Amino acid sequence: MTSYYTIMVSLPRHSRNYNVKQTPISRIQLENRIKLLPDQERTILYMLEKIVWNSWFDHSASFTDTLMSANKLLAGQHPFIDEIIYWYFDLRSLLVALRMRNAKQPVPENTRDCWFTRWSMLLTVNWNEPDFGLKNVYPWILDVNTRLVNNESDILEETLLKQLWKHLDSVEKRHYFDFEAVIIYLLRWDIVNYWSQFDEAAAIKRFNDMTSVALKTGRIEPLLSELDRSVS
């Protein structure tokens, strides 16, 4: 209890929303706080972070390897960690199914090669239903499907990040100075960190595009306006 309390009171609060320009604390500073955890819990924490990261943010990660790591943690029978893993994999699996269907692929013969979810039966039985029969669980699923069909990747990314953030926000309300609170803080930190880099990359691309237009047309007013906006 003492180490959890010390860690949590030393961490600056997250903003209400994930879409901010920078994390509330650097990665080095955060890891220095996490070092106060017992070795076993620190190992579990980083294993869980890697599983979540590979599930959502590292598209090059092997699904088989990620699932293998998840099963190792699930074997530990920690109810909160188990629920986090199941929740993330449910959402990941739903997105995989949407992408496959959008690509006109049939129901996979061996679903275990594609997803790991409590909704596997519904995904296969309701393959041709727009919401897979899961609209009551995921009210935003039809919107996500529309974004996929229209190839609106930026809006889709924001929608999914918002759902991840909302879920962590909801489970955070039950934890303050325990191991679970540290887990939630780290997972939320990852989302903010990802968004801040994503937002920075988008800003750089926008600036480069405007610079290219200015060079071709000789009109620099939009570019100056963008510079003023970024400084302010």
C-alpha atoms as a PDB file:
ATOM      1  CA  MET A   1       0.000   0.000   0.000  1.00  0.00           C
ATOM      2  CA  THR A   2       2.807   2.434   0.892  1.00  0.00           C
ATOM      3  CA  SER A   3       4.561   2.150  -2.486  1.00  0.00           C
ATOM      4  CA  TYR A   4       1.278   2.565  -4.389  1.00  0.00           C
ATOM      5  CA  TYR A   5       0.407   5.671  -2.404  1.00  0.00           C
ATOM      6  CA  THR A   6       3.900   7.133  -2.872  1.00  0.00           C
ATOM      7  CA  ILE A   7       3.773   6.508  -6.610  1.00  0.00           C
ATOM      8  CA  MET A   8       0.302   7.889  -7.193  1.00  0.00           C
ATOM      9  CA  VAL A   9       0.697  11.076  -5.156  1.00  0.00           C
ATOM     10  CA  SER A  10       3.942  11.803  -7.012  1.00  0.00           C
ATOM     11  CA  LEU A  11       2.310  11.560 -10.449  1.00  0.00           C
ATOM     12  CA  PRO A  12       0.716  14.623 -12.057  1.00  0.00           C
ATOM     13  CA  ARG A  13      -2.893  14.109 -13.002  1.00  0.00           C
ATOM     14  CA  HIS A  14      -3.865  13.308 -16.545  1.00  0.00           C
ATOM     15  CA  SER A  15      -5.993  15.823 -18.412  1.00  0.00           C
ATOM     16  CA  ARG A  16      -9.663  15.049 -18.829  1.00  0.00           C
ATOM     17  CA  ASN A  17      -9.045  14.235 -22.489  1.00  0.00           C
ATOM     18  CA  TYR A  18      -6.285  12.312 -24.244  1.00  0.00           C
ATOM     19  CA  ASN A  19      -5.842  14.763 -27.111  1.00  0.00           C
ATOM     20  CA  VAL A  20      -3.313  17.093 -25.510  1.00  0.00           C
ATOM     21  CA  LYS A  21       0.049  18.198 -26.851  1.00  0.00           C
ATOM     22  CA  GLN A  22       2.261  16.403 -24.351  1.00  0.00           C
ATOM     23  CA  THR A  23       2.224  13.858 -21.568  1.00  0.00           C
ATOM     24  CA  PRO A  24       1.939  15.104 -17.975  1.00  0.00           C
ATOM     25  CA  ILE A  25       5.273  13.468 -17.128  1.00  0.00           C
ATOM     26  CA  SER A  26       8.210  12.189 -19.157  1.00  0.00           C
ATOM     27  CA  ARG A  27       8.744   8.483 -19.721  1.00  0.00           C
ATOM     28  CA  ILE A  28      11.991   8.521 -17.732  1.00  0.00           C
ATOM     29  CA  GLN A  29      10.318  10.220 -14.776  1.00  0.00           C
ATOM     30  CA  LEU A  30       7.391   7.811 -14.941  1.00  0.00           C
ATOM     31  CA  GLU A  31       9.651   4.768 -14.965  1.00  0.00           C
ATOM     32  CA  ASN A  32      11.561   6.134 -11.990  1.00  0.00           C
ATOM     33  CA  ARG A  33       8.285   6.191 -10.047  1.00  0.00           C
ATOM     34  CA  ILE A  34       7.385   2.690 -11.221  1.00  0.00           C
ATOM     35  CA  LYS A  35      10.687   1.380  -9.851  1.00  0.00           C
ATOM     36  CA  LEU A  36       9.099   1.663  -6.410  1.00  0.00           C
ATOM     37  CA  LEU A  37       6.901  -1.322  -7.236  1.00  0.00           C
ATOM     38  CA  PRO A  38       7.980  -4.826  -6.193  1.00  0.00           C
ATOM     39  CA  ASP A  39       9.874  -6.612  -8.974  1.00  0.00           C
ATOM     40  CA  GLN A  40       7.061  -9.044  -9.734  1.00  0.00           C
ATOM     41  CA  GLU A  41       4.419  -6.344 -10.076  1.00  0.00           C
ATOM     42  CA  ARG A  42       6.719  -4.207 -12.193  1.00  0.00           C
ATOM     43  CA  THR A  43       7.242  -7.168 -14.538  1.00  0.00           C
ATOM     44  CA  ILE A  44       3.498  -7.765 -14.768  1.00  0.00           C
ATOM     45  CA  LEU A  45       2.868  -4.077 -15.422  1.00  0.00           C
ATOM     46  CA  TYR A  46       5.285  -3.891 -18.345  1.00  0.00           C
ATOM     47  CA  MET A  47       4.022  -7.193 -19.758  1.00  0.00           C
ATOM     48  CA  LEU A  48       0.482  -5.838 -19.743  1.00  0.00           C
ATOM     49  CA  GLU A  49       1.593  -2.560 -21.314  1.00  0.00           C
ATOM     50  CA  LYS A  50       3.354  -4.444 -24.109  1.00  0.00           C
ATOM     51  CA  ILE A  51       0.280  -6.593 -24.753  1.00  0.00           C
ATOM     52  CA  VAL A  52      -1.960  -3.521 -24.980  1.00  0.00           C
ATOM     53  CA  TRP A  53       0.598  -1.632 -27.068  1.00  0.00           C
ATOM     54  CA  ASN A  54       1.049  -4.506 -29.514  1.00  0.00           C
ATOM     55  CA  SER A  55      -2.721  -4.957 -29.724  1.00  0.00           C
ATOM     56  CA  TRP A  56      -3.380  -1.357 -30.705  1.00  0.00           C
ATOM     57  CA  PHE A  57      -0.382   0.727 -31.596  1.00  0.00           C
ATOM     58  CA  ASP A  58       2.264  -1.629 -33.008  1.00  0.00           C
ATOM     59  CA  HIS A  59       0.740  -3.042 -36.176  1.00  0.00           C
ATOM     60  CA  SER A  60       3.916  -4.990 -36.971  1.00  0.00           C
ATOM     61  CA  ALA A  61       3.572  -7.105 -33.832  1.00  0.00           C
ATOM     62  CA  SER A  62       2.659 -10.757 -34.343  1.00  0.00           C
ATOM     63  CA  PHE A  63      -0.868 -11.592 -33.186  1.00  0.00           C
ATOM     64  CA  THR A  64       0.314 -15.058 -32.154  1.00  0.00           C
ATOM     65  CA  ASP A  65       3.118 -13.663 -29.995  1.00  0.00           C
ATOM     66  CA  THR A  66       0.822 -11.052 -28.444  1.00  0.00           C
ATOM     67  CA  LEU A  67      -1.803 -13.677 -27.638  1.00  0.00           C
ATOM     68  CA  MET A  68       0.842 -15.952 -26.134  1.00  0.00           C
ATOM     69  CA  SER A  69       1.954 -13.167 -23.803  1.00  0.00           C
ATOM     70  CA  ALA A  70      -1.663 -12.446 -22.899  1.00  0.00           C
ATOM     71  CA  ASN A  71      -2.274 -16.081 -21.989  1.00  0.00           C
ATOM     72  CA  LYS A  72       0.747 -16.001 -19.664  1.00  0.00           C
ATOM     73  CA  LEU A  73      -0.754 -13.093 -17.750  1.00  0.00           C
ATOM     74  CA  LEU A  74      -4.231 -14.633 -17.775  1.00  0.00           C
ATOM     75  CA  ALA A  75      -2.742 -17.711 -16.123  1.00  0.00           C
ATOM     76  CA  GLY A  76      -1.932 -15.502 -13.125  1.00  0.00           C
ATOM     77  CA  GLN A  77      -5.673 -15.128 -12.440  1.00  0.00           C
ATOM     78  CA  HIS A  78      -5.625 -11.467 -11.490  1.00  0.00           C
ATOM     79  CA  PRO A  79      -9.259 -10.362 -12.043  1.00  0.00           C
ATOM     80  CA  PHE A  80      -8.506  -6.738 -12.909  1.00  0.00           C
ATOM     81  CA  ILE A  81      -5.679  -7.587 -15.312  1.00  0.00           C
ATOM     82  CA  ASP A  82      -7.773 -10.350 -16.865  1.00  0.00           C
ATOM     83  CA  GLU A  83     -10.610  -7.915 -17.534  1.00  0.00           C
ATOM     84  CA  ILE A  84      -8.254  -5.355 -19.081  1.00  0.00           C
ATOM     85  CA  ILE A  85      -6.853  -8.001 -21.423  1.00  0.00           C
ATOM     86  CA  TYR A  86     -10.286  -9.335 -22.393  1.00  0.00           C
ATOM     87  CA  TRP A  87     -11.637  -5.826 -22.972  1.00  0.00           C
ATOM     88  CA  TYR A  88      -8.756  -4.789 -25.220  1.00  0.00           C
ATOM     89  CA  PHE A  89      -8.810  -8.021 -27.192  1.00  0.00           C
ATOM     90  CA  ASP A  90     -12.585  -7.822 -27.605  1.00  0.00           C
ATOM     91  CA  LEU A  91     -12.236  -4.381 -29.138  1.00  0.00           C
ATOM     92  CA  ARG A  92      -9.246  -5.365 -31.244  1.00  0.00           C
ATOM     93  CA  SER A  93     -11.066  -8.455 -32.529  1.00  0.00           C
ATOM     94  CA  LEU A  94     -14.111  -6.394 -33.443  1.00  0.00           C
ATOM     95  CA  LEU A  95     -11.959  -4.050 -35.503  1.00  0.00           C
ATOM     96  CA  VAL A  96     -10.186  -6.968 -37.215  1.00  0.00           C
ATOM     97  CA  ALA A  97     -13.557  -8.465 -38.169  1.00  0.00           C
ATOM     98  CA  LEU A  98     -14.755  -5.122 -39.526  1.00  0.00           C
ATOM     99  CA  ARG A  99     -11.611  -4.723 -41.617  1.00  0.00           C
ATOM    100  CA  MET A 100     -11.845  -8.272 -42.974  1.00  0.00           C
ATOM    101  CA  ARG A 101     -15.493  -7.868 -43.905  1.00  0.00           C
ATOM    102  CA  ASN A 102     -14.835  -4.486 -45.474  1.00  0.00           C
ATOM    103  CA  ALA A 103     -12.171  -6.176 -47.614  1.00  0.00           C
ATOM    104  CA  LYS A 104     -14.862  -8.634 -48.814  1.00  0.00           C
ATOM    105  CA  GLN A 105     -13.237 -11.547 -47.023  1.00  0.00           C
ATOM    106  CA  PRO A 106     -15.380 -14.477 -45.850  1.00  0.00           C
ATOM    107  CA  VAL A 107     -15.694 -15.647 -42.263  1.00  0.00           C
ATOM    108  CA  PRO A 108     -12.289 -17.119 -41.374  1.00  0.00           C
ATOM    109  CA  GLU A 109     -12.216 -20.909 -41.159  1.00  0.00           C
ATOM    110  CA  ASN A 110     -10.134 -20.792 -38.010  1.00  0.00           C
ATOM    111  CA  THR A 111     -11.079 -17.683 -36.076  1.00  0.00           C
ATOM    112  CA  ARG A 112      -8.307 -18.321 -33.518  1.00  0.00           C
ATOM    113  CA  ASP A 113      -5.803 -17.274 -36.168  1.00  0.00           C
ATOM    114  CA  CYS A 114      -7.504 -13.887 -36.481  1.00  0.00           C
ATOM    115  CA  TRP A 115      -8.933 -12.878 -33.136  1.00  0.00           C
ATOM    116  CA  PHE A 116      -9.335 -13.685 -29.461  1.00  0.00           C
ATOM    117  CA  THR A 117     -12.635 -12.481 -28.072  1.00  0.00           C
ATOM    118  CA  ARG A 118     -15.670 -13.320 -26.014  1.00  0.00           C
ATOM    119  CA  TRP A 119     -17.757 -12.283 -29.051  1.00  0.00           C
ATOM    120  CA  SER A 120     -16.295 -14.846 -31.468  1.00  0.00           C
ATOM    121  CA  MET A 121     -19.596 -16.690 -31.986  1.00  0.00           C
ATOM    122  CA  LEU A 122     -21.508 -13.466 -32.660  1.00  0.00           C
ATOM    123  CA  LEU A 123     -18.890 -12.267 -35.125  1.00  0.00           C
ATOM    124  CA  THR A 124     -19.162 -15.433 -37.176  1.00  0.00           C
ATOM    125  CA  VAL A 125     -22.939 -15.921 -36.963  1.00  0.00           C
ATOM    126  CA  ASN A 126     -23.705 -12.246 -37.675  1.00  0.00           C
ATOM    127  CA  TRP A 127     -20.956 -11.707 -40.260  1.00  0.00           C
ATOM    128  CA  ASN A 128     -23.320  -9.981 -42.686  1.00  0.00           C
ATOM    129  CA  GLU A 129     -24.977  -7.792 -40.063  1.00  0.00           C
ATOM    130  CA  PRO A 130     -23.500  -4.243 -40.049  1.00  0.00           C
ATOM    131  CA  ASP A 131     -23.065  -4.269 -36.263  1.00  0.00           C
ATOM    132  CA  PHE A 132     -22.453  -8.034 -35.781  1.00  0.00           C
ATOM    133  CA  GLY A 133     -25.375  -7.910 -33.343  1.00  0.00           C
ATOM    134  CA  LEU A 134     -23.215  -5.917 -30.919  1.00  0.00           C
ATOM    135  CA  LYS A 135     -24.725  -2.434 -31.214  1.00  0.00           C
ATOM    136  CA  ASN A 136     -25.984  -2.543 -27.635  1.00  0.00           C
ATOM    137  CA  VAL A 137     -22.477  -3.289 -26.377  1.00  0.00           C
ATOM    138  CA  TYR A 138     -20.694  -0.893 -28.754  1.00  0.00           C
ATOM    139  CA  PRO A 139     -23.142   1.886 -29.726  1.00  0.00           C
ATOM    140  CA  TRP A 140     -20.497   3.495 -31.944  1.00  0.00           C
ATOM    141  CA  ILE A 141     -19.831   0.390 -34.065  1.00  0.00           C
ATOM    142  CA  LEU A 142     -21.856   1.576 -37.068  1.00  0.00           C
ATOM    143  CA  ASP A 143     -19.955   4.867 -37.100  1.00  0.00           C
ATOM    144  CA  VAL A 144     -16.638   2.985 -37.039  1.00  0.00           C
ATOM    145  CA  ASN A 145     -17.855   0.789 -39.880  1.00  0.00           C
ATOM    146  CA  THR A 146     -18.748   3.879 -41.916  1.00  0.00           C
ATOM    147  CA  ARG A 147     -15.293   5.375 -41.300  1.00  0.00           C
ATOM    148  CA  LEU A 148     -13.689   2.155 -42.482  1.00  0.00           C
ATOM    149  CA  VAL A 149     -15.805   2.002 -45.631  1.00  0.00           C
ATOM    150  CA  ASN A 150     -14.996   5.645 -46.435  1.00  0.00           C
ATOM    151  CA  ASN A 151     -11.309   5.154 -45.575  1.00  0.00           C
ATOM    152  CA  GLU A 152     -11.434   7.980 -43.026  1.00  0.00           C
ATOM    153  CA  SER A 153      -8.462   6.695 -41.067  1.00  0.00           C
ATOM    154  CA  ASP A 154      -7.812   9.847 -39.022  1.00  0.00           C
ATOM    155  CA  ILE A 155     -11.391  10.078 -37.740  1.00  0.00           C
ATOM    156  CA  LEU A 156     -11.435   6.328 -37.126  1.00  0.00           C
ATOM    157  CA  GLU A 157      -8.262   6.581 -35.059  1.00  0.00           C
ATOM    158  CA  GLU A 158      -9.716   9.368 -32.937  1.00  0.00           C
ATOM    159  CA  THR A 159     -12.948   7.445 -32.392  1.00  0.00           C
ATOM    160  CA  LEU A 160     -11.124   4.359 -31.161  1.00  0.00           C
ATOM    161  CA  LEU A 161      -8.725   6.305 -28.947  1.00  0.00           C
ATOM    162  CA  LYS A 162     -11.719   8.047 -27.412  1.00  0.00           C
ATOM    163  CA  GLN A 163     -13.265   4.674 -26.548  1.00  0.00           C
ATOM    164  CA  LEU A 164     -10.020   3.422 -25.011  1.00  0.00           C
ATOM    165  CA  TRP A 165      -9.764   6.580 -22.931  1.00  0.00           C
ATOM    166  CA  LYS A 166     -13.391   6.415 -21.804  1.00  0.00           C
ATOM    167  CA  HIS A 167     -13.008   2.831 -20.682  1.00  0.00           C
ATOM    168  CA  LEU A 168      -9.882   3.535 -18.638  1.00  0.00           C
ATOM    169  CA  ASP A 169     -11.610   6.582 -17.178  1.00  0.00           C
ATOM    170  CA  SER A 170     -14.552   4.441 -16.078  1.00  0.00           C
ATOM    171  CA  VAL A 171     -12.441   1.778 -14.350  1.00  0.00           C
ATOM    172  CA  GLU A 172     -10.179   4.405 -12.777  1.00  0.00           C
ATOM    173  CA  LYS A 173     -13.042   5.641 -10.604  1.00  0.00           C
ATOM    174  CA  ARG A 174     -12.802   2.482  -8.514  1.00  0.00           C
ATOM    175  CA  HIS A 175      -9.039   2.694  -7.902  1.00  0.00           C
ATOM    176  CA  TYR A 176      -6.919   5.379  -6.299  1.00  0.00           C
ATOM    177  CA  PHE A 177      -3.900   4.119  -4.372  1.00  0.00           C
ATOM    178  CA  ASP A 178      -3.445   0.520  -5.483  1.00  0.00           C
ATOM    179  CA  PHE A 179      -1.643  -1.507  -8.143  1.00  0.00           C
ATOM    180  CA  GLU A 180      -4.629  -1.139 -10.453  1.00  0.00           C
ATOM    181  CA  ALA A 181      -4.340   2.653 -10.254  1.00  0.00           C
ATOM    182  CA  VAL A 182      -0.718   2.444 -11.420  1.00  0.00           C
ATOM    183  CA  ILE A 183      -1.758   0.199 -14.324  1.00  0.00           C
ATOM    184  CA  ILE A 184      -4.462   2.622 -15.429  1.00  0.00           C
ATOM    185  CA  TYR A 185      -2.124   5.597 -15.201  1.00  0.00           C
ATOM    186  CA  LEU A 186       0.488   3.917 -17.418  1.00  0.00           C
ATOM    187  CA  LEU A 187      -2.037   2.797 -20.037  1.00  0.00           C
ATOM    188  CA  ARG A 188      -3.525   6.277 -20.189  1.00  0.00           C
ATOM    189  CA  TRP A 189      -0.028   7.746 -20.444  1.00  0.00           C
ATOM    190  CA  ASP A 190       0.579   5.565 -23.507  1.00  0.00           C
ATOM    191  CA  ILE A 191      -2.536   6.906 -25.198  1.00  0.00           C
ATOM    192  CA  VAL A 192      -1.547  10.532 -24.553  1.00  0.00           C
ATOM    193  CA  ASN A 193       1.992   9.846 -25.711  1.00  0.00           C
ATOM    194  CA  TYR A 194       0.749   8.192 -28.892  1.00  0.00           C
ATOM    195  CA  TRP A 195      -1.658  11.018 -29.649  1.00  0.00           C
ATOM    196  CA  SER A 196       0.930  13.738 -29.019  1.00  0.00           C
ATOM    197  CA  GLN A 197       3.261  12.094 -31.534  1.00  0.00           C
ATOM    198  CA  PHE A 198       0.430  11.475 -33.965  1.00  0.00           C
ATOM    199  CA  ASP A 199      -0.698  15.100 -33.657  1.00  0.00           C
ATOM    200  CA  GLU A 200       2.857  16.380 -34.114  1.00  0.00           C
ATOM    201  CA  ALA A 201       3.326  14.275 -37.249  1.00  0.00           C
ATOM    202  CA  ALA A 202       0.045  15.589 -38.654  1.00  0.00           C
ATOM    203  CA  ALA A 203       1.100  19.175 -37.904  1.00  0.00           C
ATOM    204  CA  ILE A 204       4.447  18.678 -39.654  1.00  0.00           C
ATOM    205  CA  LYS A 205       2.738  17.198 -42.711  1.00  0.00           C
ATOM    206  CA  ARG A 206       0.235  20.067 -42.792  1.00  0.00           C
ATOM    207  CA  PHE A 207       3.038  22.633 -42.554  1.00  0.00           C
ATOM    208  CA  ASN A 208       5.055  20.922 -45.299  1.00  0.00           C
ATOM    209  CA  ASP A 209       2.006  20.780 -47.566  1.00  0.00           C
ATOM    210  CA  MET A 210       1.313  24.472 -47.013  1.00  0.00           C
ATOM    211  CA  THR A 211       4.964  25.317 -47.646  1.00  0.00           C
ATOM    212  CA  SER A 212       4.815  23.435 -50.931  1.00  0.00           C
ATOM    213  CA  VAL A 213       1.683  25.331 -51.962  1.00  0.00           C
ATOM    214  CA  ALA A 214       3.272  28.653 -50.974  1.00  0.00           C
ATOM    215  CA  LEU A 215       6.338  27.925 -53.092  1.00  0.00           C
ATOM    216  CA  LYS A 216       4.219  26.999 -56.093  1.00  0.00           C
ATOM    217  CA  THR A 217       1.707  29.851 -55.874  1.00  0.00           C
ATOM    218  CA  GLY A 218       3.707  32.598 -54.206  1.00  0.00           C
ATOM    219  CA  ARG A 219       0.908  33.007 -51.610  1.00  0.00           C
ATOM    220  CA  ILE A 220       2.428  32.949 -48.133  1.00  0.00           C
ATOM    221  CA  GLU A 221      -0.535  34.264 -46.130  1.00  0.00           C
ATOM    222  CA  PRO A 222      -1.904  30.791 -45.230  1.00  0.00           C
ATOM    223  CA  LEU A 223       1.583  29.699 -44.202  1.00  0.00           C
ATOM    224  CA  LEU A 224       2.039  32.734 -41.958  1.00  0.00           C
ATOM    225  CA  SER A 225      -1.366  32.120 -40.414  1.00  0.00           C
ATOM    226  CA  GLU A 226      -0.352  28.544 -39.645  1.00  0.00           C
ATOM    227  CA  LEU A 227       2.866  29.748 -38.032  1.00  0.00           C
ATOM    228  CA  ASP A 228       0.945  32.233 -35.881  1.00  0.00           C
ATOM    229  CA  ARG A 229      -1.479  29.494 -34.829  1.00  0.00           C
ATOM    230  CA  SER A 230       1.302  27.065 -33.875  1.00  0.00           C
ATOM    231  CA  VAL A 231       3.136  29.694 -31.814  1.00  0.00           C
ATOM    232  CA  SER A 232      -0.013  30.723 -29.970  1.00  0.00           C
END
